[in-house]
C-alpha atoms as a PDB file:
ATOM      1  CA  MET A   1      -2.910  25.454  15.391  1.00  0.00           C
ATOM      2  CA  SER A   2       0.593  27.443  14.929  1.00  0.00           C
ATOM      3  CA  GLY A   3       2.275  27.454  11.062  1.00  0.00           C
ATOM      4  CA  SER A   4       4.244  24.664  12.285  1.00  0.00           C
ATOM      5  CA  SER A   5       2.102  22.346  12.516  1.00  0.00           C
ATOM      6  CA  ARG A   6       0.418  23.104   9.277  1.00  0.00           C
ATOM      7  CA  THR A   7       3.954  22.833   7.054  1.00  0.00           C
ATOM      8  CA  SER A   8       4.785  19.548   8.813  1.00  0.00           C
ATOM      9  CA  LYS A   9       1.540  17.392   7.286  1.00  0.00           C
ATOM     10  CA  LYS A  10       3.495  15.933   4.881  1.00  0.00           C
ATOM     11  CA  SER A  11       6.178  15.033   7.602  1.00  0.00           C
ATOM     12  CA  LEU A  12       3.650  13.799   9.657  1.00  0.00           C
ATOM     13  CA  ALA A  13       2.595  10.586   7.273  1.00  0.00           C
ATOM     14  CA  ALA A  14       5.682   9.029   8.738  1.00  0.00           C
ATOM     15  CA  GLY A  15       5.098  10.203  12.163  1.00  0.00           C
ATOM     16  CA  ALA A  16       2.802  10.213  15.282  1.00  0.00           C
ATOM     17  CA  HIS A  17       0.215  13.212  16.713  1.00  0.00           C
ATOM     18  CA  ARG A  18      -1.020  13.215  20.097  1.00  0.00           C
ATOM     19  CA  TYR A  19      -3.350  15.659  21.353  1.00  0.00           C
ATOM     20  CA  VAL A  20      -2.933  16.734  25.486  1.00  0.00           C
ATOM     21  CA  ASP A  21      -6.121  18.267  27.550  1.00  0.00           C
ATOM     22  CA  MET A  22      -5.142  19.329  30.795  1.00  0.00           C
ATOM     23  CA  TRP A  23      -8.189  20.232  32.510  1.00  0.00           C
ATOM     24  CA  ALA A  24      -8.707  23.615  34.403  1.00  0.00           C
ATOM     25  CA  PHE A  25     -10.166  22.545  37.503  1.00  0.00           C
ATOM     26  CA  PRO A  26      -9.446  18.862  37.798  1.00  0.00           C
ATOM     27  CA  GLY A  27     -11.770  18.092  41.160  1.00  0.00           C
ATOM     28  CA  VAL A  28     -15.185  18.964  39.437  1.00  0.00           C
ATOM     29  CA  HIS A  29     -14.795  17.877  35.899  1.00  0.00           C
ATOM     30  CA  PRO A  30     -17.462  15.789  35.110  1.00  0.00           C
ATOM     31  CA  THR A  31     -15.938  13.032  33.953  1.00  0.00           C
ATOM     32  CA  ASN A  32     -13.392  12.584  36.749  1.00  0.00           C
ATOM     33  CA  ILE A  33     -15.796  10.582  38.979  1.00  0.00           C
ATOM     34  CA  GLU A  34     -15.987   8.282  36.213  1.00  0.00           C
ATOM     35  CA  PHE A  35     -12.030   8.083  35.247  1.00  0.00           C
ATOM     36  CA  LEU A  36     -11.039   7.419  38.865  1.00  0.00           C
ATOM     37  CA  GLN A  37     -13.391   4.563  39.712  1.00  0.00           C
ATOM     38  CA  ARG A  38     -11.854   3.075  36.362  1.00  0.00           C
ATOM     39  CA  LEU A  39      -8.533   3.908  38.006  1.00  0.00           C
ATOM     40  CA  LYS A  40      -9.493   2.770  41.768  1.00  0.00           C
ATOM     41  CA  MET A  41     -10.448  -0.566  40.060  1.00  0.00           C
ATOM     42  CA  ALA A  42      -7.213  -1.023  37.961  1.00  0.00           C
ATOM     43  CA  ASP A  43      -5.096  -3.696  39.362  1.00  0.00           C
ATOM     44  CA  ASP A  44      -2.218  -0.817  39.548  1.00  0.00           C
ATOM     45  CA  ARG A  45      -0.543  -0.002  42.266  1.00  0.00           C
ATOM     46  CA  GLN A  46       0.886   3.324  40.799  1.00  0.00           C
ATOM     47  CA  PHE A  47      -2.260   4.694  41.600  1.00  0.00           C
ATOM     48  CA  THR A  48      -2.912   5.983  45.057  1.00  0.00           C
ATOM     49  CA  ALA A  49      -5.528   7.280  47.249  1.00  0.00           C
ATOM     50  CA  ASN A  50      -4.160  11.300  46.908  1.00  0.00           C
ATOM     51  CA  MET A  51      -4.291  11.323  43.270  1.00  0.00           C
ATOM     52  CA  GLU A  52      -7.022  13.050  41.038  1.00  0.00           C
ATOM     53  CA  VAL A  53      -7.728  12.773  37.190  1.00  0.00           C
ATOM     54  CA  CYS A  54      -6.204  16.164  35.614  1.00  0.00           C
ATOM     55  CA  GLY A  55      -6.115  15.305  32.274  1.00  0.00           C
ATOM     56  CA  THR A  56      -6.520  13.023  28.994  1.00  0.00           C
ATOM     57  CA  VAL A  57      -4.730  11.962  25.795  1.00  0.00           C
ATOM     58  CA  MET A  58      -6.290  11.391  22.576  1.00  0.00           C
ATOM     59  CA  GLU A  59      -3.896   9.871  19.654  1.00  0.00           C
ATOM     60  CA  LYS A  60      -4.409  10.323  16.065  1.00  0.00           C
ATOM     61  CA  ASP A  61      -4.430   7.227  13.855  1.00  0.00           C
ATOM     62  CA  VAL A  62      -2.377   8.503  10.539  1.00  0.00           C
ATOM     63  CA  GLN A  63      -3.829   5.798   8.259  1.00  0.00           C
ATOM     64  CA  THR A  64      -7.470   6.229   9.200  1.00  0.00           C
ATOM     65  CA  GLY A  65      -7.336   9.774  10.840  1.00  0.00           C
ATOM     66  CA  LYS A  66      -9.813   9.058  13.422  1.00  0.00           C
ATOM     67  CA  TRP A  67      -8.973  10.291  17.276  1.00  0.00           C
ATOM     68  CA  LEU A  68      -8.742   7.763  19.445  1.00  0.00           C
ATOM     69  CA  PRO A  69      -8.771   8.164  23.540  1.00  0.00           C
ATOM     70  CA  THR A  70      -5.543   6.334  24.718  1.00  0.00           C
ATOM     71  CA  HIS A  71      -4.689   7.522  27.762  1.00  0.00           C
ATOM     72  CA  LEU A  72      -5.207   9.567  31.045  1.00  0.00           C
ATOM     73  CA  LEU A  73      -3.120  11.446  33.725  1.00  0.00           C
ATOM     74  CA  GLY A  74      -3.172  11.684  37.206  1.00  0.00           C
ATOM     75  CA  LEU A  75      -1.889  13.785  39.594  1.00  0.00           C
ATOM     76  CA  ARG A  76      -0.570  13.496  43.274  1.00  0.00           C
ATOM     77  CA  THR A  77      -2.552  16.106  45.275  1.00  0.00           C
ATOM     78  CA  ASP A  78      -0.760  15.372  48.712  1.00  0.00           C
ATOM     79  CA  VAL A  79       2.276  16.913  47.182  1.00  0.00           C
ATOM     80  CA  TRP A  80       0.934  19.435  44.748  1.00  0.00           C
ATOM     81  CA  LYS A  81      -1.392  21.071  47.247  1.00  0.00           C
ATOM     82  CA  PRO A  82      -0.122  19.592  51.114  1.00  0.00           C
ATOM     83  CA  ARG A  83      -3.237  20.498  53.246  1.00  0.00           C
ATOM     84  CA  PRO A  84      -2.438  22.653  56.442  1.00  0.00           C
ATOM     85  CA  ALA A  85      -2.250  19.876  58.775  1.00  0.00           C
ATOM     86  CA  VAL A  86       0.394  18.006  57.052  1.00  0.00           C
ATOM     87  CA  GLN A  87       2.415  21.110  56.635  1.00  0.00           C
ATOM     88  CA  GLN A  88       2.418  21.383  60.257  1.00  0.00           C
ATOM     89  CA  LYS A  89       3.450  18.283  61.324  1.00  0.00           C
ATOM     90  CA  LYS A  90       6.640  18.058  58.624  1.00  0.00           C
ATOM     91  CA  LEU A  91       7.365  21.603  60.568  1.00  0.00           C
ATOM     92  CA  GLU A  92       7.014  19.960  64.109  1.00  0.00           C
ATOM     93  CA  GLN A  93       9.646  17.475  62.672  1.00  0.00           C
ATOM     94  CA  LEU A  94      11.997  19.937  61.377  1.00  0.00           C
ATOM     95  CA  GLN A  95      11.891  21.937  64.046  1.00  0.00           C
ATOM     96  CA  GLN A  96      12.624  18.695  66.329  1.00  0.00           C
ATOM     97  CA  ASP A  97      14.932  17.290  64.299  1.00  0.00           C
ATOM     98  CA  ARG A  98      16.867  21.048  64.827  1.00  0.00           C
ATOM     99  CA  LEU A  99      16.411  20.976  68.211  1.00  0.00           C
ATOM    100  CA  GLU A 100      18.246  17.698  68.692  1.00  0.00           C
ATOM    101  CA  THR A 101      20.883  19.349  66.370  1.00  0.00           C
ATOM    102  CA  LEU A 102      21.316  22.562  68.805  1.00  0.00           C
ATOM    103  CA  ARG A 103      21.786  20.113  71.731  1.00  0.00           C
ATOM    104  CA  LYS A 104      24.161  18.235  70.327  1.00  0.00           C
ATOM    105  CA  GLN A 105      26.550  20.900  69.568  1.00  0.00           C
ATOM    106  CA  ILE A 106      26.315  22.193  73.414  1.00  0.00           C
ATOM    107  CA  LYS A 107      26.802  18.753  74.263  1.00  0.00           C
ATOM    108  CA  GLN A 108      27.302  15.266  72.421  1.00  0.00           C
ATOM    109  CA  SER A 109      24.996  12.811  74.970  1.00  0.00           C
ATOM    110  CA  GLY A 110      23.766  12.711  78.440  1.00  0.00           C
ATOM    111  CA  PRO A 111      21.410  15.531  80.229  1.00  0.00           C
ATOM    112  CA  LEU A 112      22.282  19.514  80.295  1.00  0.00           C
ATOM    113  CA  SER A 113      23.254  21.375  82.898  1.00  0.00           C
ATOM    114  CA  ALA A 114      21.211  24.365  84.183  1.00  0.00           C
ATOM    115  CA  ALA A 115      23.780  27.013  82.355  1.00  0.00           C
ATOM    116  CA  GLN A 116      23.874  24.566  79.413  1.00  0.00           C
ATOM    117  CA  THR A 117      19.561  24.762  79.204  1.00  0.00           C
ATOM    118  CA  GLU A 118      19.632  28.086  79.643  1.00  0.00           C
ATOM    119  CA  ARG A 119      22.079  28.393  76.662  1.00  0.00           C
ATOM    120  CA  LEU A 120      19.956  26.066  74.104  1.00  0.00           C
ATOM    121  CA  HIS A 121      16.910  28.341  75.056  1.00  0.00           C
ATOM    122  CA  LYS A 122      18.800  31.390  73.709  1.00  0.00           C
ATOM    123  CA  GLN A 123      19.603  29.535  70.586  1.00  0.00           C
ATOM    124  CA  MET A 124      15.819  28.240  70.342  1.00  0.00           C
ATOM    125  CA  LEU A 125      14.769  31.859  70.739  1.00  0.00           C
ATOM    126  CA  THR A 126      17.061  33.073  67.492  1.00  0.00           C
ATOM    127  CA  ASP A 127      17.651  30.031  65.592  1.00  0.00           C
ATOM    128  CA  PRO A 128      15.564  30.731  62.306  1.00  0.00           C
ATOM    129  CA  ILE A 129      14.391  27.357  61.613  1.00  0.00           C
ATOM    130  CA  MET A 130      12.466  27.834  64.639  1.00  0.00           C
ATOM    131  CA  LYS A 131      10.809  30.631  63.792  1.00  0.00           C
ATOM    132  CA  VAL A 132       9.420  28.884  60.906  1.00  0.00           C
ATOM    133  CA  GLN A 133       5.940  29.244  60.279  1.00  0.00           C
ATOM    134  CA  PRO A 134       3.708  26.209  58.545  1.00  0.00           C
ATOM    135  CA  ASP A 135       3.101  28.598  55.834  1.00  0.00           C
ATOM    136  CA  GLN A 136       6.807  29.670  55.238  1.00  0.00           C
ATOM    137  CA  LEU A 137       7.423  25.623  54.862  1.00  0.00           C
ATOM    138  CA  GLU A 138       7.407  25.191  51.024  1.00  0.00           C
ATOM    139  CA  GLY A 139       6.721  21.159  50.236  1.00  0.00           C
ATOM    140  CA  ARG A 140       5.096  21.439  46.806  1.00  0.00           C
ATOM    141  CA  ARG A 141       6.501  19.502  44.588  1.00  0.00           C
ATOM    142  CA  LEU A 142       4.726  18.360  40.744  1.00  0.00           C
ATOM    143  CA  VAL A 143       3.870  14.617  40.345  1.00  0.00           C
ATOM    144  CA  MET A 144       2.167  13.323  37.472  1.00  0.00           C
ATOM    145  CA  LYS A 145       1.653   9.790  36.138  1.00  0.00           C
ATOM    146  CA  LEU A 146       0.465   8.715  32.726  1.00  0.00           C
ATOM    147  CA  PHE A 147      -1.978   5.672  32.483  1.00  0.00           C
ATOM    148  CA  ARG A 148      -2.686   3.503  29.370  1.00  0.00           C
ATOM    149  CA  SER A 149      -6.830   3.304  29.156  1.00  0.00           C
ATOM    150  CA  SER A 150      -7.498   0.995  26.126  1.00  0.00           C
ATOM    151  CA  GLU A 151      -8.768  -2.482  27.328  1.00  0.00           C
ATOM    152  CA  ARG A 152      -7.349  -1.831  31.129  1.00  0.00           C
ATOM    153  CA  VAL A 153      -5.872   1.076  32.718  1.00  0.00           C
ATOM    154  CA  ARG A 154      -2.336   1.074  33.437  1.00  0.00           C
ATOM    155  CA  TRP A 155       0.647   3.024  34.569  1.00  0.00           C
ATOM    156  CA  VAL A 156       2.982   3.846  31.439  1.00  0.00           C
ATOM    157  CA  GLY A 157       4.980   6.787  33.137  1.00  0.00           C
ATOM    158  CA  SER A 158       5.646   9.302  35.975  1.00  0.00           C
ATOM    159  CA  LEU A 159       7.250  12.502  35.865  1.00  0.00           C
ATOM    160  CA  GLU A 160       8.528  13.950  39.181  1.00  0.00           C
ATOM    161  CA  GLU A 161       9.745  17.286  39.931  1.00  0.00           C
ATOM    162  CA  VAL A 162      13.621  17.366  41.887  1.00  0.00           C
ATOM    163  CA  THR A 163      13.626  20.410  44.062  1.00  0.00           C
ATOM    164  CA  THR A 164      16.758  19.505  45.134  1.00  0.00           C
ATOM    165  CA  SER A 165      18.229  20.228  41.725  1.00  0.00           C
ATOM    166  CA  GLU A 166      16.266  22.956  41.510  1.00  0.00           C
ATOM    167  CA  VAL A 167      17.797  24.856  43.762  1.00  0.00           C
ATOM    168  CA  HIS A 168      21.192  24.569  43.100  1.00  0.00           C
ATOM    169  CA  ASN A 169      20.696  24.839  39.400  1.00  0.00           C
ATOM    170  CA  SER A 170      18.999  28.322  40.146  1.00  0.00           C
ATOM    171  CA  GLN A 171      20.968  29.540  42.791  1.00  0.00           C
ATOM    172  CA  ALA A 172      23.923  28.900  40.436  1.00  0.00           C
ATOM    173  CA  SER A 173      22.210  30.789  37.109  1.00  0.00           C
ATOM    174  CA  ARG A 174      20.113  33.203  39.661  1.00  0.00           C
ATOM    175  CA  ARG A 175      17.150  32.312  37.604  1.00  0.00           C
ATOM    176  CA  ALA A 176      14.603  29.710  38.098  1.00  0.00           C
ATOM    177  CA  LEU A 177      15.260  26.499  36.443  1.00  0.00           C
ATOM    178  CA  LEU A 178      12.956  23.488  36.590  1.00  0.00           C
ATOM    179  CA  SER A 179      14.189  19.767  37.011  1.00  0.00           C
ATOM    180  CA  LEU A 180      12.163  17.213  36.126  1.00  0.00           C
ATOM    181  CA  THR A 181      12.947  13.137  36.067  1.00  0.00           C
ATOM    182  CA  ILE A 182      10.855  10.902  33.924  1.00  0.00           C
ATOM    183  CA  SER A 183      10.308   6.880  34.566  1.00  0.00           C
ATOM    184  CA  LEU A 184       8.727   4.710  32.054  1.00  0.00           C
ATOM    185  CA  GLU A 185       7.440   1.024  31.879  1.00  0.00           C
ATOM    186  CA  SER A 186      10.033  -1.290  30.974  1.00  0.00           C
ATOM    187  CA  HIS A 187      12.755   1.067  30.450  1.00  0.00           C
ATOM    188  CA  LYS A 188      15.450   0.358  32.460  1.00  0.00           C
ATOM    189  CA  TYR A 189      16.330   4.135  32.614  1.00  0.00           C
ATOM    190  CA  LEU A 190      15.412   7.037  34.298  1.00  0.00           C
ATOM    191  CA  THR A 191      15.469  10.463  32.142  1.00  0.00           C
ATOM    192  CA  ASP A 192      16.301  13.564  33.473  1.00  0.00           C
ATOM    193  CA  LEU A 193      15.332  16.599  32.341  1.00  0.00           C
ATOM    194  CA  GLN A 194      16.635  19.590  32.644  1.00  0.00           C
ATOM    195  CA  GLU A 195      15.578  23.699  31.921  1.00  0.00           C
ATOM    196  CA  ASN A 196      19.043  25.535  30.726  1.00  0.00           C
ATOM    197  CA  PHE A 197      19.853  28.442  31.095  1.00  0.00           C
ATOM    198  CA  ARG A 198      21.477  30.566  28.063  1.00  0.00           C
ATOM    199  CA  THR A 199      22.185  34.210  27.795  1.00  0.00           C
ATOM    200  CA  PHE A 200      20.125  36.332  26.374  1.00  0.00           C
ATOM    201  CA  ARG A 201      17.549  33.718  25.992  1.00  0.00           C
ATOM    202  CA  ILE A 202      14.606  34.029  27.260  1.00  0.00           C
ATOM    203  CA  PRO A 203      12.082  31.698  26.449  1.00  0.00           C
ATOM    204  CA  SER A 204      12.606  28.380  28.005  1.00  0.00           C
ATOM    205  CA  ILE A 205      15.037  25.856  26.735  1.00  0.00           C
ATOM    206  CA  PHE A 206      15.176  21.844  28.020  1.00  0.00           C
ATOM    207  CA  SER A 207      17.312  18.979  27.460  1.00  0.00           C
ATOM    208  CA  PHE A 208      17.736  15.353  28.143  1.00  0.00           C
ATOM    209  CA  CYS A 209      19.141  11.824  26.637  1.00  0.00           C
ATOM    210  CA  TYR A 210      17.192   8.997  25.530  1.00  0.00           C
ATOM    211  CA  PHE A 211      18.529   5.973  25.296  1.00  0.00           C
ATOM    212  CA  HIS A 212      16.724   3.927  22.311  1.00  0.00           C
ATOM    213  CA  MET A 213      16.659   0.250  24.026  1.00  0.00           C
ATOM    214  CA  LYS A 214      15.495  -1.498  20.638  1.00  0.00           C
ATOM    215  CA  SER A 215      18.205   0.384  18.192  1.00  0.00           C
ATOM    216  CA  GLU A 216      20.725   1.053  21.476  1.00  0.00           C
ATOM    217  CA  ARG A 217      21.336   4.609  20.310  1.00  0.00           C
ATOM    218  CA  MET A 218      21.547   7.474  22.472  1.00  0.00           C
ATOM    219  CA  TRP A 219      19.449  10.298  21.769  1.00  0.00           C
ATOM    220  CA  TYR A 220      20.158  13.863  22.624  1.00  0.00           C
ATOM    221  CA  ILE A 221      16.838  16.121  22.836  1.00  0.00           C
ATOM    222  CA  SER A 222      16.378  19.977  23.293  1.00  0.00           C
ATOM    223  CA  ILE A 223      12.849  21.099  23.544  1.00  0.00           C
ATOM    224  CA  LYS A 224      13.223  24.830  22.811  1.00  0.00           C
ATOM    225  CA  ARG A 225       9.675  27.474  23.775  1.00  0.00           C
ATOM    226  CA  LYS A 226       9.054  29.622  20.406  1.00  0.00           C
ATOM    227  CA  TRP A 227      10.032  33.231  20.747  1.00  0.00           C
ATOM    228  CA  ILE A 228       6.966  34.318  19.509  1.00  0.00           C
ATOM    229  CA  SER A 229       3.992  32.323  20.005  1.00  0.00           C
ATOM    230  CA  ILE A 230       0.132  32.373  21.084  1.00  0.00           C
ATOM    231  CA  GLY A 231       0.027  29.432  23.976  1.00  0.00           C
ATOM    232  CA  ALA A 232       3.013  27.532  24.741  1.00  0.00           C
ATOM    233  CA  ASP A 233       4.814  25.980  21.693  1.00  0.00           C
ATOM    234  CA  PHE A 234       7.702  24.413  21.487  1.00  0.00           C
ATOM    235  CA  VAL A 235       9.938  23.231  18.946  1.00  0.00           C
ATOM    236  CA  ILE A 236      11.738  19.831  19.580  1.00  0.00           C
ATOM    237  CA  GLU A 237      15.236  19.271  17.892  1.00  0.00           C
ATOM    238  CA  ALA A 238      17.754  16.464  17.804  1.00  0.00           C
ATOM    239  CA  ASP A 239      21.047  16.173  15.901  1.00  0.00           C
ATOM    240  CA  GLY A 240      20.879  19.732  14.786  1.00  0.00           C
ATOM    241  CA  ARG A 241      17.024  19.307  13.394  1.00  0.00           C
ATOM    242  CA  LYS A 242      13.728  19.798  14.208  1.00  0.00           C
ATOM    243  CA  ILE A 243      11.826  16.026  14.919  1.00  0.00           C
ATOM    244  CA  GLY A 244       8.635  17.231  16.373  1.00  0.00           C
ATOM    245  CA  ASP A 245       6.459  19.886  17.867  1.00  0.00           C
ATOM    246  CA  ILE A 246       4.337  20.966  20.690  1.00  0.00           C
ATOM    247  CA  ASP A 247       1.368  23.671  20.047  1.00  0.00           C
ATOM    248  CA  GLY A 248      -0.069  24.641  22.181  1.00  0.00           C
ATOM    249  CA  ALA A 249      -3.839  25.288  22.122  1.00  0.00           C
ATOM    250  CA  LEU A 250      -5.084  29.142  21.461  1.00  0.00           C
ATOM    251  CA  PHE A 251      -7.985  28.892  23.873  1.00  0.00           C
ATOM    252  CA  GLY A 252      -8.899  26.591  26.575  1.00  0.00           C
ATOM    253  CA  LEU A 253      -9.555  26.705  30.182  1.00  0.00           C
ATOM    254  CA  GLY A 254      -6.658  24.172  30.866  1.00  0.00           C
ATOM    255  CA  TYR A 255      -3.521  23.654  28.824  1.00  0.00           C
ATOM    256  CA  ASN A 256      -4.182  21.854  26.131  1.00  0.00           C
ATOM    257  CA  ALA A 257      -1.457  21.093  22.966  1.00  0.00           C
ATOM    258  CA  HIS A 258      -0.852  19.030  19.716  1.00  0.00           C
ATOM    259  CA  LEU A 259       1.889  16.804  20.055  1.00  0.00           C
ATOM    260  CA  TYR A 260       4.042  15.798  17.219  1.00  0.00           C
ATOM    261  CA  VAL A 261       6.724  13.704  16.526  1.00  0.00           C
ATOM    262  CA  TYR A 262       8.194  13.580  12.737  1.00  0.00           C
ATOM    263  CA  GLU A 263      11.360  11.435  13.353  1.00  0.00           C
ATOM    264  CA  PRO A 264       9.943   7.974  11.859  1.00  0.00           C
ATOM    265  CA  ASP A 265      12.214   5.778  14.701  1.00  0.00           C
ATOM    266  CA  LEU A 266      10.999   7.803  17.651  1.00  0.00           C
ATOM    267  CA  ALA A 267       7.932   8.279  16.359  1.00  0.00           C
ATOM    268  CA  LYS A 268       7.219   4.089  16.207  1.00  0.00           C
ATOM    269  CA  GLU A 269       9.007   4.359  20.137  1.00  0.00           C
ATOM    270  CA  THR A 270       5.933   4.455  22.390  1.00  0.00           C
ATOM    271  CA  GLN A 271       7.972   5.186  25.595  1.00  0.00           C
ATOM    272  CA  PHE A 272       9.408   8.383  23.901  1.00  0.00           C
ATOM    273  CA  LEU A 273       5.800   9.239  22.725  1.00  0.00           C
ATOM    274  CA  ASP A 274       4.744   8.683  26.659  1.00  0.00           C
ATOM    275  CA  LEU A 275       7.776  10.910  28.002  1.00  0.00           C
ATOM    276  CA  LEU A 276       6.852  13.806  26.049  1.00  0.00           C
ATOM    277  CA  THR A 277       3.560  13.689  26.622  1.00  0.00           C
ATOM    278  CA  VAL A 278       4.055  13.662  30.586  1.00  0.00           C
ATOM    279  CA  PHE A 279       6.152  16.588  29.944  1.00  0.00           C
ATOM    280  CA  THR A 280       3.472  18.239  27.765  1.00  0.00           C
ATOM    281  CA  ALA A 281       1.029  17.910  30.369  1.00  0.00           C
ATOM    282  CA  SER A 282       3.292  19.660  33.074  1.00  0.00           C
ATOM    283  CA  VAL A 283       3.728  22.673  31.276  1.00  0.00           C
ATOM    284  CA  SER A 284       0.157  23.877  33.048  1.00  0.00           C
ATOM    285  CA  TYR A 285       2.099  23.787  35.825  1.00  0.00           C
ATOM    286  CA  HIS A 286       5.372  25.295  35.049  1.00  0.00           C
ATOM    287  CA  SER A 287       4.506  28.731  36.508  1.00  0.00           C
ATOM    288  CA  THR A 288       3.544  27.270  39.879  1.00  0.00           C
ATOM    289  CA  MET A 289       6.775  25.622  40.138  1.00  0.00           C
ATOM    290  CA  ARG A 290       8.880  28.410  39.102  1.00  0.00           C
ATOM    291  CA  ARG A 291       7.075  30.313  41.571  1.00  0.00           C
ATOM    292  CA  CYS A 292       7.453  27.454  44.088  1.00  0.00           C
ATOM    293  CA  ILE A 293      11.146  27.676  43.303  1.00  0.00           C
ATOM    294  CA  ARG A 294      11.765  31.316  43.914  1.00  0.00           C
ATOM    295  CA  ARG A 295      10.134  30.707  47.739  1.00  0.00           C
ATOM    296  CA  ARG A 296      12.560  28.475  47.951  1.00  0.00           C
ATOM    297  CA  LEU A 297      15.876  30.467  46.615  1.00  0.00           C
ATOM    298  CA  ALA A 298      14.155  33.585  49.299  1.00  0.00           C
ATOM    299  CA  ALA A 299      14.000  30.666  51.892  1.00  0.00           C
ATOM    300  CA  CYS A 300      17.857  29.824  51.371  1.00  0.00           C
ATOM    301  CA  ARG A 301      19.135  33.487  51.299  1.00  0.00           C
ATOM    302  CA  LYS A 302      17.571  33.664  55.072  1.00  0.00           C
ATOM    303  CA  GLY A 303      19.325  30.614  55.845  1.00  0.00           C
ATOM    304  CA  LEU A 304      16.331  28.807  56.361  1.00  0.00           C
ATOM    305  CA  VAL A 305      17.579  25.700  53.964  1.00  0.00           C
ATOM    306  CA  GLY A 306      16.831  23.185  56.681  1.00  0.00           C
ATOM    307  CA  GLY A 307      13.401  24.436  56.579  1.00  0.00           C
ATOM    308  CA  GLN A 308      12.721  23.135  53.223  1.00  0.00           C
ATOM    309  CA  VAL A 309      10.657  20.343  52.863  1.00  0.00           C
ATOM    310  CA  VAL A 310      12.588  17.590  50.973  1.00  0.00           C
ATOM    311  CA  GLU A 311      10.029  14.518  50.267  1.00  0.00           C
ATOM    312  CA  PRO A 312      11.456  10.865  50.876  1.00  0.00           C
ATOM    313  CA  GLU A 313      10.372   9.713  47.422  1.00  0.00           C
ATOM    314  CA  GLU A 314      12.836  12.597  46.008  1.00  0.00           C
ATOM    315  CA  PHE A 315      15.286  11.387  48.014  1.00  0.00           C
ATOM    316  CA  THR A 316      14.577   7.614  46.490  1.00  0.00           C
ATOM    317  CA  LEU A 317      15.256   9.592  43.344  1.00  0.00           C
ATOM    318  CA  LEU A 318      18.978  10.853  44.596  1.00  0.00           C
ATOM    319  CA  LYS A 319      20.269   7.354  46.204  1.00  0.00           C
ATOM    320  CA  ASN A 320      23.440   6.116  44.302  1.00  0.00           C
ATOM    321  CA  PRO A 321      22.177   2.627  42.852  1.00  0.00           C
ATOM    322  CA  ARG A 322      25.822   1.739  42.887  1.00  0.00           C
ATOM    323  CA  ALA A 323      26.138   1.536  46.631  1.00  0.00           C
ATOM    324  CA  ALA A 324      26.302  -1.374  48.944  1.00  0.00           C
END
């Protein structure tokens, strides 16, 4: 455990402490089958057929000091690890749409003449989208869900990667930056969590605003990765002061971390703790997500913007709620 966690024990008396245990090999974890059965029997449509349990969460009772298992973490494998057959189908649809676009550029409607058909065939041979192979199609996206598992299993929050925001933010900053959206049970507002770029600072900085509905107060939060640490350690700040820590474990096959919140009002806010919990769980996937962003950026530079998959669920996140 890092020094920041040890020095905060006094503050933690009025705070909260969770332990996030992410598994290195979810599919072969011995308890995965048991958890899957519990989730499938749960009356909750948030757990889909393509979901895999990838970790657990425990919470420390600050009064008794006991650790209590409280949550399960699920990963949507169909969007995180798309099957080759799915990639092929998506590519065929993209190329069919592109073919229709090229055709309309020649003639808006009606059959093409022999000369126009020959022109279309020539364009197809040189068009970047028509030359894309399935393994060049970057469709990977992180979708994680948090379930409370006390008396019955129920959904409490989801984290979704927003690849469209990642591409334009990364293009502008010339650095692979993550964009995440978190939805919480019974919370009226989505939380957009954005990785930021600061000159001469290499460790990640994430920021978001969180509306505390009970107190009707907006909190502006920063999560800053430490310059020097063994493992992925972060400091959580608000109003220019430290309000928590994410202390990555020194050893472990998966990413394991202690989550601390010292600010009394936020430590009592279960939804805020759930938000930080699902973010902490996502840290083990950040390196892979950045590699995918670089692939998307490389495709954009080659003129393959249309060759990058944007899932229908992501378009739903982008919809204007005020539109008719």
